[in-house]
C-alpha cells in the first residue's frame, strides 16, 4: 500500500519490478484488495494501473 501511494506505478509490471514480486501473484493480491475497497485497478490502454484508495489504517485490538 505504501509503495502504491508513494511511487504511483503506472502498471502491474512496474509495481512487480519495484516490489520484487511476480505479476500473477501481485495481480491476485491486488484484485482481492480491490474487492475490499483498498485499491483501485483501472485500465490504461493494455496496462492495468493500480492505485491506493486507503492510505491510513488504525488497528484496534480488544
N, C-alpha and C. Protein backbone atom coordinates (compact mmCIF):
# COMPACT_ATOMS: atom_id res chain seq x y z
N UNK A 1 0.82 -1.18 0.00
CA UNK A 1 0.00 0.00 0.00
C UNK A 1 0.87 1.25 0.00
N UNK A 2 1.89 1.23 0.84
CA UNK A 2 2.77 2.40 0.90
C UNK A 2 3.45 2.63 -0.45
N UNK A 3 3.89 1.56 -1.07
CA UNK A 3 4.57 1.66 -2.36
C UNK A 3 3.62 2.21 -3.42
N UNK A 4 2.38 1.73 -3.42
CA UNK A 4 1.39 2.23 -4.37
C UNK A 4 1.16 3.73 -4.17
N UNK A 5 1.01 4.12 -2.92
CA UNK A 5 0.72 5.51 -2.60
C UNK A 5 1.89 6.44 -2.93
N UNK A 6 3.09 6.04 -2.57
CA UNK A 6 4.26 6.92 -2.75
C UNK A 6 4.80 6.93 -4.17
N UNK A 7 4.89 5.76 -4.81
CA UNK A 7 5.56 5.67 -6.11
C UNK A 7 4.62 5.77 -7.30
N UNK A 8 3.33 5.55 -7.08
CA UNK A 8 2.32 5.64 -8.14
C UNK A 8 2.75 4.91 -9.42
N UNK A 9 2.97 3.59 -9.36
CA UNK A 9 3.38 2.84 -10.56
C UNK A 9 2.29 2.90 -11.63
N UNK A 10 2.72 2.88 -12.88
CA UNK A 10 1.79 3.02 -14.00
C UNK A 10 1.38 1.69 -14.62
N UNK A 11 1.77 0.58 -13.99
CA UNK A 11 1.35 -0.74 -14.46
C UNK A 11 1.67 -1.78 -13.39
N UNK A 12 1.05 -2.96 -13.52
CA UNK A 12 1.38 -4.05 -12.61
C UNK A 12 2.81 -4.49 -12.81
N UNK A 13 3.29 -4.45 -14.05
CA UNK A 13 4.67 -4.83 -14.33
C UNK A 13 5.64 -3.92 -13.61
N UNK A 14 5.38 -2.62 -13.64
CA UNK A 14 6.25 -1.67 -12.93
C UNK A 14 6.22 -1.93 -11.43
N UNK A 15 5.03 -2.17 -10.88
CA UNK A 15 4.92 -2.46 -9.45
C UNK A 15 5.63 -3.76 -9.10
N UNK A 16 5.53 -4.76 -9.96
CA UNK A 16 6.22 -6.03 -9.74
C UNK A 16 7.73 -5.82 -9.68
N UNK A 17 8.26 -5.02 -10.59
CA UNK A 17 9.69 -4.74 -10.60
C UNK A 17 10.11 -3.99 -9.33
N UNK A 18 9.31 -3.03 -8.90
CA UNK A 18 9.62 -2.25 -7.70
C UNK A 18 9.54 -3.08 -6.43
N UNK A 19 8.60 -4.02 -6.40
CA UNK A 19 8.36 -4.79 -5.18
C UNK A 19 9.10 -6.11 -5.12
N UNK A 20 9.59 -6.59 -6.29
CA UNK A 20 10.26 -7.88 -6.31
C UNK A 20 9.29 -9.06 -6.34
N UNK A 21 8.00 -8.79 -6.57
CA UNK A 21 7.00 -9.86 -6.66
C UNK A 21 6.72 -10.18 -8.11
N UNK A 22 6.19 -11.35 -8.36
CA UNK A 22 5.82 -11.75 -9.72
C UNK A 22 4.43 -11.20 -10.05
N UNK A 23 4.23 -10.83 -11.32
CA UNK A 23 2.99 -10.20 -11.75
C UNK A 23 1.75 -11.03 -11.41
N UNK A 24 1.71 -12.35 -11.69
CA UNK A 24 0.48 -13.11 -11.38
C UNK A 24 0.11 -13.07 -9.89
N UNK A 25 1.09 -13.22 -9.04
CA UNK A 25 0.84 -13.18 -7.59
C UNK A 25 0.37 -11.79 -7.16
N UNK A 26 1.02 -10.78 -7.67
CA UNK A 26 0.67 -9.40 -7.36
C UNK A 26 -0.75 -9.08 -7.84
N UNK A 27 -1.09 -9.55 -9.02
CA UNK A 27 -2.41 -9.34 -9.59
C UNK A 27 -3.49 -9.95 -8.71
N UNK A 28 -3.28 -11.18 -8.25
CA UNK A 28 -4.27 -11.84 -7.38
C UNK A 28 -4.45 -11.04 -6.08
N UNK A 29 -3.35 -10.62 -5.49
CA UNK A 29 -3.40 -9.87 -4.24
C UNK A 29 -4.14 -8.55 -4.43
N UNK A 30 -3.82 -7.83 -5.50
CA UNK A 30 -4.45 -6.53 -5.74
C UNK A 30 -5.93 -6.67 -6.06
N UNK A 31 -6.32 -7.72 -6.76
CA UNK A 31 -7.74 -7.94 -7.06
C UNK A 31 -8.52 -8.20 -5.78
N UNK A 32 -7.93 -8.95 -4.85
CA UNK A 32 -8.58 -9.19 -3.56
C UNK A 32 -8.70 -7.86 -2.80
N UNK A 33 -7.63 -7.07 -2.80
CA UNK A 33 -7.63 -5.78 -2.10
C UNK A 33 -8.65 -4.83 -2.74
N UNK A 34 -8.84 -4.94 -4.06
CA UNK A 34 -9.83 -4.11 -4.74
C UNK A 34 -11.24 -4.49 -4.28
N UNK A 35 -11.51 -5.77 -4.09
CA UNK A 35 -12.82 -6.21 -3.61
C UNK A 35 -13.12 -5.64 -2.22
N UNK A 36 -12.09 -5.42 -1.41
CA UNK A 36 -12.27 -4.84 -0.08
C UNK A 36 -12.24 -3.31 -0.09
N UNK A 37 -12.07 -2.70 -1.26
CA UNK A 37 -12.08 -1.25 -1.37
C UNK A 37 -10.79 -0.57 -0.96
N UNK A 38 -9.69 -1.33 -0.93
CA UNK A 38 -8.40 -0.77 -0.52
C UNK A 38 -7.61 -0.19 -1.68
N UNK A 39 -7.78 -0.76 -2.87
CA UNK A 39 -7.07 -0.28 -4.06
C UNK A 39 -8.04 -0.19 -5.22
N UNK A 40 -7.63 0.54 -6.24
CA UNK A 40 -8.39 0.64 -7.48
C UNK A 40 -7.49 0.14 -8.60
N UNK A 41 -8.04 -0.67 -9.49
CA UNK A 41 -7.32 -1.14 -10.68
C UNK A 41 -8.07 -0.60 -11.88
N UNK A 42 -7.40 0.23 -12.68
CA UNK A 42 -8.07 0.78 -13.87
C UNK A 42 -7.23 0.53 -15.11
N UNK A 43 -7.92 0.38 -16.20
CA UNK A 43 -7.26 0.13 -17.49
C UNK A 43 -6.76 1.43 -18.07
N UNK A 44 -5.53 1.37 -18.59
CA UNK A 44 -4.94 2.50 -19.33
C UNK A 44 -4.29 1.85 -20.53
N UNK A 45 -5.02 1.81 -21.65
CA UNK A 45 -4.54 1.05 -22.81
C UNK A 45 -4.57 -0.42 -22.46
N UNK A 46 -3.43 -1.08 -22.61
CA UNK A 46 -3.34 -2.50 -22.26
C UNK A 46 -2.89 -2.71 -20.82
N UNK A 47 -2.41 -1.63 -20.18
CA UNK A 47 -1.89 -1.74 -18.81
C UNK A 47 -3.01 -1.65 -17.78
N UNK A 48 -2.82 -2.36 -16.68
CA UNK A 48 -3.70 -2.27 -15.53
C UNK A 48 -2.96 -1.43 -14.50
N UNK A 49 -3.50 -0.25 -14.18
CA UNK A 49 -2.83 0.70 -13.30
C UNK A 49 -3.42 0.61 -11.89
N UNK A 50 -2.60 0.23 -10.90
CA UNK A 50 -3.09 0.14 -9.53
C UNK A 50 -2.92 1.48 -8.80
N UNK A 51 -3.86 1.80 -7.92
CA UNK A 51 -3.68 2.97 -7.07
C UNK A 51 -4.29 2.67 -5.70
N UNK A 52 -3.70 3.26 -4.68
CA UNK A 52 -4.15 3.04 -3.30
C UNK A 52 -5.33 3.95 -3.00
N UNK A 53 -6.40 3.38 -2.50
CA UNK A 53 -7.55 4.17 -2.06
C UNK A 53 -7.48 4.41 -0.56
N UNK A 54 -7.02 3.42 0.17
CA UNK A 54 -6.87 3.54 1.63
C UNK A 54 -5.40 3.78 1.91
N UNK A 55 -5.10 4.90 2.54
CA UNK A 55 -3.69 5.23 2.80
C UNK A 55 -3.35 5.32 4.28
N UNK A 56 -4.35 5.18 5.12
CA UNK A 56 -4.10 5.18 6.56
C UNK A 56 -4.94 4.12 7.23
N UNK A 57 -4.40 3.46 8.22
CA UNK A 57 -5.11 2.38 8.91
C UNK A 57 -4.97 2.55 10.41
N UNK A 58 -6.01 2.15 11.10
CA UNK A 58 -5.99 2.11 12.55
C UNK A 58 -6.34 0.68 12.96
N UNK A 59 -5.51 0.09 13.76
CA UNK A 59 -5.73 -1.27 14.23
C UNK A 59 -6.22 -1.22 15.66
N UNK A 60 -7.38 -1.81 15.90
CA UNK A 60 -7.96 -1.82 17.23
C UNK A 60 -7.99 -3.26 17.73
N UNK A 61 -7.29 -3.52 18.81
CA UNK A 61 -7.27 -4.84 19.41
C UNK A 61 -8.04 -4.79 20.72
N UNK A 62 -9.05 -5.62 20.82
CA UNK A 62 -9.84 -5.64 22.06
C UNK A 62 -9.85 -7.02 22.66
